PDB file of N, CA and C in Angstrom:
ATOM      1  N   MET A   1       1.020  -0.885  -0.086  1.00  0.00           N
ATOM      2  CA  MET A   1       0.058  -0.211   0.085  1.00  0.00           C
ATOM      3  C   MET A   1       0.530   1.058   0.001  1.00  0.00           C
ATOM      4  N   MET A   2       0.576   2.434  -0.738  1.00  0.00           N
ATOM      5  CA  MET A   2       1.509   3.338  -0.805  1.00  0.00           C
ATOM      6  C   MET A   2       0.663   5.200   0.087  1.00  0.00           C
ATOM      7  N   ILE A   3       1.647   5.232   0.651  1.00  0.00           N
ATOM      8  CA  ILE A   3       0.625   5.981   1.252  1.00  0.00           C
ATOM      9  C   ILE A   3       1.468   7.563   0.795  1.00  0.00           C
ATOM     10  N   LYS A   4       0.438   8.249   0.547  1.00  0.00           N
ATOM     11  CA  LYS A   4       0.254   9.676   0.040  1.00  0.00           C
ATOM     12  C   LYS A   4       1.032  10.730   0.854  1.00  0.00           C
ATOM     13  N   SER A   5       0.930  11.289   0.688  1.00  0.00           N
ATOM     14  CA  SER A   5       1.917  12.584   1.489  1.00  0.00           C
ATOM     15  C   SER A   5       0.764  13.719   1.439  1.00  0.00           C
ATOM     16  N   THR A   6      -0.007  14.305   2.557  1.00  0.00           N
ATOM     17  CA  THR A   6      -0.532  15.453   2.736  1.00  0.00           C
ATOM     18  C   THR A   6       0.442  16.705   2.275  1.00  0.00           C
ATOM     19  N   GLU A   7       1.355  16.679   2.474  1.00  0.00           N
ATOM     20  CA  GLU A   7       1.753  18.051   1.998  1.00  0.00           C
ATOM     21  C   GLU A   7       2.424  18.509   1.470  1.00  0.00           C
ATOM     22  N   GLU A   8       1.737  19.965   0.726  1.00  0.00           N
ATOM     23  CA  GLU A   8       1.552  20.322  -0.796  1.00  0.00           C
ATOM     24  C   GLU A   8       2.881  21.115  -0.782  1.00  0.00           C
ATOM     25  N   ILE A   9       3.565  20.676  -2.066  1.00  0.00           N
ATOM     26  CA  ILE A   9       4.777  20.980  -2.167  1.00  0.00           C
ATOM     27  C   ILE A   9       4.186  22.591  -2.976  1.00  0.00           C
ATOM     28  N   ILE A  10       4.896  23.765  -3.032  1.00  0.00           N
ATOM     29  CA  ILE A  10       4.545  24.990  -3.421  1.00  0.00           C
ATOM     30  C   ILE A  10       6.185  25.248  -4.146  1.00  0.00           C
ATOM     31  N   ILE A  11       5.608  25.300  -5.562  1.00  0.00           N
ATOM     32  CA  ILE A  11       7.476  25.544  -6.506  1.00  0.00           C
ATOM     33  C   ILE A  11       7.404  26.826  -6.488  1.00  0.00           C
ATOM     34  N   TYR A  12       8.611  28.044  -6.011  1.00  0.00           N
ATOM     35  CA  TYR A  12       8.550  29.071  -6.644  1.00  0.00           C
ATOM     36  C   TYR A  12       9.574  29.588  -7.875  1.00  0.00           C
ATOM     37  N   GLU A  13       8.598  30.075  -8.599  1.00  0.00           N
ATOM     38  CA  GLU A  13       9.990  30.806 -10.579  1.00  0.00           C
ATOM     39  C   GLU A  13       9.724  32.047 -10.899  1.00  0.00           C
ATOM     40  N   SER A  14      11.092  32.320 -10.799  1.00  0.00           N
ATOM     41  CA  SER A  14      11.253  34.114 -11.258  1.00  0.00           C
ATOM     42  C   SER A  14      11.736  33.881 -12.318  1.00  0.00           C
ATOM     43  N   PRO A  15      11.013  34.226 -13.782  1.00  0.00           N
ATOM     44  CA  PRO A  15      12.136  34.175 -15.084  1.00  0.00           C
ATOM     45  C   PRO A  15      12.821  35.497 -14.987  1.00  0.00           C
ATOM     46  N   ASP A  16      12.583  36.189 -14.126  1.00  0.00           N
ATOM     47  CA  ASP A  16      14.088  37.442 -14.431  1.00  0.00           C
ATOM     48  C   ASP A  16      14.892  37.944 -13.601  1.00  0.00           C
ATOM     49  N   GLY A  17      15.427  37.157 -12.992  1.00  0.00           N
ATOM     50  CA  GLY A  17      16.521  36.789 -11.610  1.00  0.00           C
ATOM     51  C   GLY A  17      15.892  37.696  -9.967  1.00  0.00           C
ATOM     52  N   GLY A  18      14.385  36.788 -10.183  1.00  0.00           N
ATOM     53  CA  GLY A  18      13.767  37.835  -8.826  1.00  0.00           C
ATOM     54  C   GLY A  18      13.293  39.307  -8.665  1.00  0.00           C
ATOM     55  N   LYS A  19      13.346  39.954  -9.832  1.00  0.00           N
ATOM     56  CA  LYS A  19      12.576  40.994  -9.605  1.00  0.00           C
ATOM     57  C   LYS A  19      10.949  40.371 -10.067  1.00  0.00           C
ATOM     58  N   THR A  20      10.628  39.361 -10.583  1.00  0.00           N
ATOM     59  CA  THR A  20       8.751  38.791 -10.281  1.00  0.00           C
ATOM     60  C   THR A  20       9.091  37.477  -9.760  1.00  0.00           C
ATOM     61  N   ILE A  21       8.237  37.147  -8.995  1.00  0.00           N
ATOM     62  CA  ILE A  21       8.183  35.829  -8.331  1.00  0.00           C
ATOM     63  C   ILE A  21       6.699  35.250  -8.393  1.00  0.00           C
ATOM     64  N   TYR A  22       6.801  34.222  -8.609  1.00  0.00           N
ATOM     65  CA  TYR A  22       5.477  33.290  -9.417  1.00  0.00           C
ATOM     66  C   TYR A  22       5.544  32.016  -8.486  1.00  0.00           C
ATOM     67  N   ALA A  23       4.275  31.604  -8.061  1.00  0.00           N
ATOM     68  CA  ALA A  23       4.141  30.109  -7.220  1.00  0.00           C
ATOM     69  C   ALA A  23       3.091  29.718  -7.530  1.00  0.00           C
ATOM     70  N   ARG A  24       3.499  28.149  -7.527  1.00  0.00           N
ATOM     71  CA  ARG A  24       2.256  27.331  -8.107  1.00  0.00           C
ATOM     72  C   ARG A  24       2.559  26.045  -7.687  1.00  0.00           C
ATOM     73  N   HIS A  25       1.609  25.207  -7.647  1.00  0.00           N
ATOM     74  CA  HIS A  25       1.383  24.084  -7.090  1.00  0.00           C
ATOM     75  C   HIS A  25       2.107  23.338  -7.641  1.00  0.00           C
ATOM     76  N   SER A  26       3.311  22.064  -7.022  1.00  0.00           N
ATOM     77  CA  SER A  26       3.834  20.995  -7.907  1.00  0.00           C
ATOM     78  C   SER A  26       2.486  20.116  -9.076  1.00  0.00           C
ATOM     79  N   GLY A  27       3.415  19.984  -9.851  1.00  0.00           N
ATOM     80  CA  GLY A  27       2.221  19.314 -10.558  1.00  0.00           C
ATOM     81  C   GLY A  27       1.560  19.819 -12.018  1.00  0.00           C
ATOM     82  N   SER A  28       1.245  20.976 -11.614  1.00  0.00           N
ATOM     83  CA  SER A  28       0.533  22.161 -12.089  1.00  0.00           C
ATOM     84  C   SER A  28       1.467  23.191 -12.765  1.00  0.00           C
ATOM     85  N   THR A  29       0.740  23.616 -14.215  1.00  0.00           N
ATOM     86  CA  THR A  29       1.068  24.928 -14.559  1.00  0.00           C
ATOM     87  C   THR A  29       0.141  26.050 -13.996  1.00  0.00           C
ATOM     88  N   ASP A  30      -0.836  26.418 -13.467  1.00  0.00           N
ATOM     89  CA  ASP A  30      -1.349  27.266 -12.831  1.00  0.00           C
ATOM     90  C   ASP A  30      -0.621  28.391 -12.419  1.00  0.00           C
ATOM     91  N   ARG A  31       0.128  29.120 -12.089  1.00  0.00           N
ATOM     92  CA  ARG A  31       0.605  30.244 -11.471  1.00  0.00           C
ATOM     93  C   ARG A  31       0.247  31.134 -10.894  1.00  0.00           C
ATOM     94  N   THR A  32       0.240  31.713  -9.728  1.00  0.00           N
ATOM     95  CA  THR A  32       0.196  33.052  -9.095  1.00  0.00           C
ATOM     96  C   THR A  32       1.281  33.859  -8.983  1.00  0.00           C
ATOM     97  N   MET A  33       1.215  35.423  -9.201  1.00  0.00           N
ATOM     98  CA  MET A  33       1.961  36.169  -8.988  1.00  0.00           C
ATOM     99  C   MET A  33       2.321  36.529  -7.672  1.00  0.00           C
ATOM    100  N   ILE A  34       3.281  36.659  -7.207  1.00  0.00           N
ATOM    101  CA  ILE A  34       3.835  36.936  -5.356  1.00  0.00           C
ATOM    102  C   ILE A  34       3.879  37.906  -5.439  1.00  0.00           C
ATOM    103  N   LYS A  35       5.066  38.590  -6.386  1.00  0.00           N
ATOM    104  CA  LYS A  35       6.039  40.064  -6.182  1.00  0.00           C
ATOM    105  C   LYS A  35       6.286  39.883  -7.380  1.00  0.00           C
ATOM    106  N   GLN A  36       6.191  41.327  -7.971  1.00  0.00           N
ATOM    107  CA  GLN A  36       6.701  42.084  -9.057  1.00  0.00           C
ATOM    108  C   GLN A  36       7.545  43.325  -9.080  1.00  0.00           C
ATOM    109  N   ASP A  37       8.435  43.261  -9.772  1.00  0.00           N
ATOM    110  CA  ASP A  37       9.018  44.689  -9.696  1.00  0.00           C
ATOM    111  C   ASP A  37       8.585  45.819  -9.687  1.00  0.00           C
ATOM    112  N   PRO A  38       8.573  46.541  -9.279  1.00  0.00           N
ATOM    113  CA  PRO A  38       7.575  48.062  -9.277  1.00  0.00           C
ATOM    114  C   PRO A  38       7.482  48.903 -10.817  1.00  0.00           C
ATOM    115  N   ASP A  39       9.004  49.027 -11.349  1.00  0.00           N
ATOM    116  CA  ASP A  39       8.924  49.250 -12.333  1.00  0.00           C
ATOM    117  C   ASP A  39       7.972  48.729 -13.317  1.00  0.00           C
ATOM    118  N   ALA A  40       8.447  47.228 -13.501  1.00  0.00           N
ATOM    119  CA  ALA A  40       7.401  46.456 -14.598  1.00  0.00           C
ATOM    120  C   ALA A  40       5.869  46.751 -13.965  1.00  0.00           C
ATOM    121  N   SER A  41       5.370  47.144 -12.837  1.00  0.00           N
ATOM    122  CA  SER A  41       4.330  46.879 -12.847  1.00  0.00           C
ATOM    123  C   SER A  41       4.090  48.319 -13.498  1.00  0.00           C
ATOM    124  N   TYR A  42       4.635  48.817 -12.798  1.00  0.00           N
ATOM    125  CA  TYR A  42       4.395  50.720 -13.662  1.00  0.00           C
ATOM    126  C   TYR A  42       4.089  50.662 -15.030  1.00  0.00           C
ATOM    127  N   LEU A  43       5.112  49.819 -15.862  1.00  0.00           N
ATOM    128  CA  LEU A  43       5.623  49.684 -16.917  1.00  0.00           C
ATOM    129  C   LEU A  43       4.367  48.849 -18.008  1.00  0.00           C
ATOM    130  N   ALA A  44       3.960  47.636 -17.416  1.00  0.00           N
ATOM    131  CA  ALA A  44       2.471  47.341 -17.156  1.00  0.00           C
ATOM    132  C   ALA A  44       1.281  48.101 -17.298  1.00  0.00           C
ATOM    133  N   ARG A  45       1.439  49.063 -16.615  1.00  0.00           N
ATOM    134  CA  ARG A  45       0.120  49.362 -16.320  1.00  0.00           C
ATOM    135  C   ARG A  45      -0.290  50.460 -17.792  1.00  0.00           C
ATOM    136  N   TRP A  46       1.039  51.157 -17.818  1.00  0.00           N
ATOM    137  CA  TRP A  46       1.165  52.075 -18.799  1.00  0.00           C
ATOM    138  C   TRP A  46       0.684  51.201 -20.172  1.00  0.00           C
ATOM    139  N   HIS A  47       0.930  50.479 -20.177  1.00  0.00           N
ATOM    140  CA  HIS A  47       0.645  50.014 -21.370  1.00  0.00           C
ATOM    141  C   HIS A  47      -0.472  49.209 -21.351  1.00  0.00           C
ATOM    142  N   GLU A  48      -1.133  49.247 -20.084  1.00  0.00           N
ATOM    143  CA  GLU A  48      -3.243  49.021 -20.554  1.00  0.00           C
ATOM    144  C   GLU A  48      -3.650  50.225 -20.391  1.00  0.00           C
ATOM    145  N   TRP A  49      -3.356  51.079 -19.828  1.00  0.00           N
ATOM    146  CA  TRP A  49      -3.872  52.523 -19.973  1.00  0.00           C
ATOM    147  C   TRP A  49      -4.098  52.897 -21.857  1.00  0.00           C
ATOM    148  N   ARG A  50      -2.973  52.724 -22.462  1.00  0.00           N
ATOM    149  CA  ARG A  50      -2.948  52.814 -23.545  1.00  0.00           C
ATOM    150  C   ARG A  50      -3.621  51.969 -24.506  1.00  0.00           C
ATOM    151  N   GLU A  51      -3.811  51.098 -24.287  1.00  0.00           N
ATOM    152  CA  GLU A  51      -5.529  49.764 -24.676  1.00  0.00           C
ATOM    153  C   GLU A  51      -6.358  50.304 -24.337  1.00  0.00           C
ATOM    154  N   ILE A  52      -6.355  51.285 -23.310  1.00  0.00           N
ATOM    155  CA  ILE A  52      -8.011  51.527 -22.674  1.00  0.00           C
ATOM    156  C   ILE A  52      -8.061  52.804 -23.466  1.00  0.00           C
ATOM    157  N   LEU A  53      -7.379  53.629 -23.543  1.00  0.00           N
ATOM    158  CA  LEU A  53      -7.866  54.659 -24.529  1.00  0.00           C
ATOM    159  C   LEU A  53      -7.742  54.571 -25.547  1.00  0.00           C
ATOM    160  N   ARG A  54      -7.359  53.461 -26.329  1.00  0.00           N
ATOM    161  CA  ARG A  54      -7.197  53.439 -27.869  1.00  0.00           C
ATOM    162  C   ARG A  54      -9.036  52.627 -27.702  1.00  0.00           C
ATOM    163  N   LEU A  55      -9.107  51.441 -26.895  1.00  0.00           N
ATOM    164  CA  LEU A  55     -10.731  50.679 -26.687  1.00  0.00           C
ATOM    165  C   LEU A  55     -11.810  52.168 -26.875  1.00  0.00           C
ATOM    166  N   ALA A  56     -11.616  53.374 -25.770  1.00  0.00           N
ATOM    167  CA  ALA A  56     -12.334  54.324 -25.705  1.00  0.00           C
ATOM    168  C   ALA A  56     -12.836  55.096 -26.785  1.00  0.00           C
ATOM    169  N   ASP A  57     -11.921  55.039 -27.985  1.00  0.00           N
ATOM    170  CA  ASP A  57     -12.237  55.671 -29.149  1.00  0.00           C
ATOM    171  C   ASP A  57     -13.714  55.061 -29.278  1.00  0.00           C
ATOM    172  N   GLU A  58     -13.423  53.901 -29.285  1.00  0.00           N
ATOM    173  CA  GLU A  58     -14.992  52.680 -30.020  1.00  0.00           C
ATOM    174  C   GLU A  58     -15.725  52.556 -29.194  1.00  0.00           C
ATOM    175  N   ASN A  59     -16.013  52.758 -27.919  1.00  0.00           N
ATOM    176  CA  ASN A  59     -16.646  52.461 -26.684  1.00  0.00           C
ATOM    177  C   ASN A  59     -17.072  53.706 -25.540  1.00  0.00           C
ATOM    178  N   ILE A  60     -18.255  53.891 -25.745  1.00  0.00           N
ATOM    179  CA  ILE A  60     -19.274  54.950 -25.141  1.00  0.00           C
ATOM    180  C   ILE A  60     -19.221  54.994 -23.734  1.00  0.00           C
ATOM    181  N   THR A  61     -19.181  53.687 -22.998  1.00  0.00           N
ATOM    182  CA  THR A  61     -19.535  53.975 -21.797  1.00  0.00           C
ATOM    183  C   THR A  61     -17.352  53.886 -21.021  1.00  0.00           C
ATOM    184  N   LEU A  62     -16.860  53.276 -22.105  1.00  0.00           N
ATOM    185  CA  LEU A  62     -15.772  53.425 -21.367  1.00  0.00           C
ATOM    186  C   LEU A  62     -14.943  54.899 -21.616  1.00  0.00           C
ATOM    187  N   SER A  63     -15.380  55.393 -22.708  1.00  0.00           N
ATOM    188  CA  SER A  63     -14.682  57.096 -22.741  1.00  0.00           C
ATOM    189  C   SER A  63     -15.355  58.043 -21.617  1.00  0.00           C
ATOM    190  N   ASP A  64     -16.630  57.445 -21.506  1.00  0.00           N
ATOM    191  CA  ASP A  64     -17.034  58.596 -20.167  1.00  0.00           C
ATOM    192  C   ASP A  64     -16.745  58.123 -19.111  1.00  0.00           C
ATOM    193  N   ALA A  65     -16.495  56.932 -18.874  1.00  0.00           N
ATOM    194  CA  ALA A  65     -15.483  56.116 -17.235  1.00  0.00           C
ATOM    195  C   ALA A  65     -14.179  56.989 -17.505  1.00  0.00           C
ATOM    196  N   ILE A  66     -13.218  57.225 -18.722  1.00  0.00           N
ATOM    197  CA  ILE A  66     -12.143  57.824 -18.770  1.00  0.00           C
ATOM    198  C   ILE A  66     -12.490  59.487 -18.252  1.00  0.00           C
ATOM    199  N   GLU A  67     -13.381  59.908 -19.147  1.00  0.00           N
ATOM    200  CA  GLU A  67     -14.152  61.067 -18.865  1.00  0.00           C
ATOM    201  C   GLU A  67     -13.983  61.778 -17.106  1.00  0.00           C
ATOM    202  N   ARG A  68     -14.870  60.660 -16.223  1.00  0.00           N
ATOM    203  CA  ARG A  68     -14.970  61.308 -15.057  1.00  0.00           C
ATOM    204  C   ARG A  68     -13.333  60.814 -14.057  1.00  0.00           C
ATOM    205  N   VAL A  69     -12.782  59.625 -14.607  1.00  0.00           N
ATOM    206  CA  VAL A  69     -11.485  59.672 -13.840  1.00  0.00           C
ATOM    207  C   VAL A  69     -10.438  60.872 -14.155  1.00  0.00           C
ATOM    208  N   GLU A  70     -10.435  61.382 -15.502  1.00  0.00           N
ATOM    209  CA  GLU A  70      -9.936  63.000 -15.747  1.00  0.00           C
ATOM    210  C   GLU A  70      -9.950  63.874 -14.570  1.00  0.00           C
ATOM    211  N   ILE A  71     -11.380  63.949 -15.056  1.00  0.00           N
ATOM    212  CA  ILE A  71     -12.213  65.369 -13.851  1.00  0.00           C
ATOM    213  C   ILE A  71     -11.463  64.664 -12.050  1.00  0.00           C
ATOM    214  N   ILE A  72     -11.560  64.166 -11.753  1.00  0.00           N
ATOM    215  CA  ILE A  72     -10.778  63.732 -10.309  1.00  0.00           C
ATOM    216  C   ILE A  72      -9.378  63.615 -10.223  1.00  0.00           C
ATOM    217  N   TYR A  73      -9.464  63.357 -11.854  1.00  0.00           N
ATOM    218  CA  TYR A  73      -7.491  63.986 -10.717  1.00  0.00           C
ATOM    219  C   TYR A  73      -7.446  64.983 -11.066  1.00  0.00           C
ATOM    220  N   ALA A  74      -8.369  66.277 -12.212  1.00  0.00           N
ATOM    221  CA  ALA A  74      -7.996  67.367 -11.841  1.00  0.00           C
ATOM    222  C   ALA A  74      -8.092  68.043 -10.747  1.00  0.00           C
ATOM    223  N   LEU A  75      -9.518  67.309 -10.405  1.00  0.00           N
ATOM    224  CA  LEU A  75      -9.706  68.314  -8.766  1.00  0.00           C
ATOM    225  C   LEU A  75      -8.542  67.530  -7.805  1.00  0.00           C
ATOM    226  N   ILE A  76      -8.191  66.277  -7.931  1.00  0.00           N
ATOM    227  CA  ILE A  76      -6.923  65.996  -7.072  1.00  0.00           C
ATOM    228  C   ILE A  76      -5.888  66.801  -7.534  1.00  0.00           C
ATOM    229  N   LYS A  77      -5.420  67.093  -8.580  1.00  0.00           N
ATOM    230  CA  LYS A  77      -4.037  67.760  -8.628  1.00  0.00           C
ATOM    231  C   LYS A  77      -4.503  68.901  -8.272  1.00  0.00           C
ATOM    232  N   LYS A  78      -5.263  69.730  -8.387  1.00  0.00           N
ATOM    233  CA  LYS A  78      -5.669  71.060  -8.056  1.00  0.00           C
ATOM    234  C   LYS A  78      -5.679  71.035  -6.625  1.00  0.00           C
ATOM    235  N   GLU A  79      -6.007  69.877  -5.831  1.00  0.00           N
ATOM    236  CA  GLU A  79      -5.835  70.999  -4.130  1.00  0.00           C
ATOM    237  C   GLU A  79      -4.149  70.157  -3.593  1.00  0.00           C
ATOM    238  N   VAL A  80      -3.571  69.818  -4.091  1.00  0.00           N
ATOM    239  CA  VAL A  80      -1.979  69.172  -3.608  1.00  0.00           C
ATOM    240  C   VAL A  80      -1.293  70.652  -4.497  1.00  0.00           C
ATOM    241  N   GLU A  81      -1.573  71.157  -5.551  1.00  0.00           N
ATOM    242  CA  GLU A  81      -0.822  72.097  -5.763  1.00  0.00           C
ATOM    243  C   GLU A  81      -0.671  73.612  -4.692  1.00  0.00           C
TER     244      GLU A  81
END
């Protein structure tokens, strides 16, 4: 009779030398990011916003939401000046 271990093995991987770290269960290809380099995160968000702005040209709901964000940004910026 073979006894299976009840201990789960978690594997940590970093494709970029420790700047971004992923965790996954042994035997699985599904992984979760647990740490990301702040510079990489900023760049990823910048690229995502470029795509959001591009899509807003085609989608009125998204365009309206961006306009509200821009108003909030302008009000906050004015308060801190």
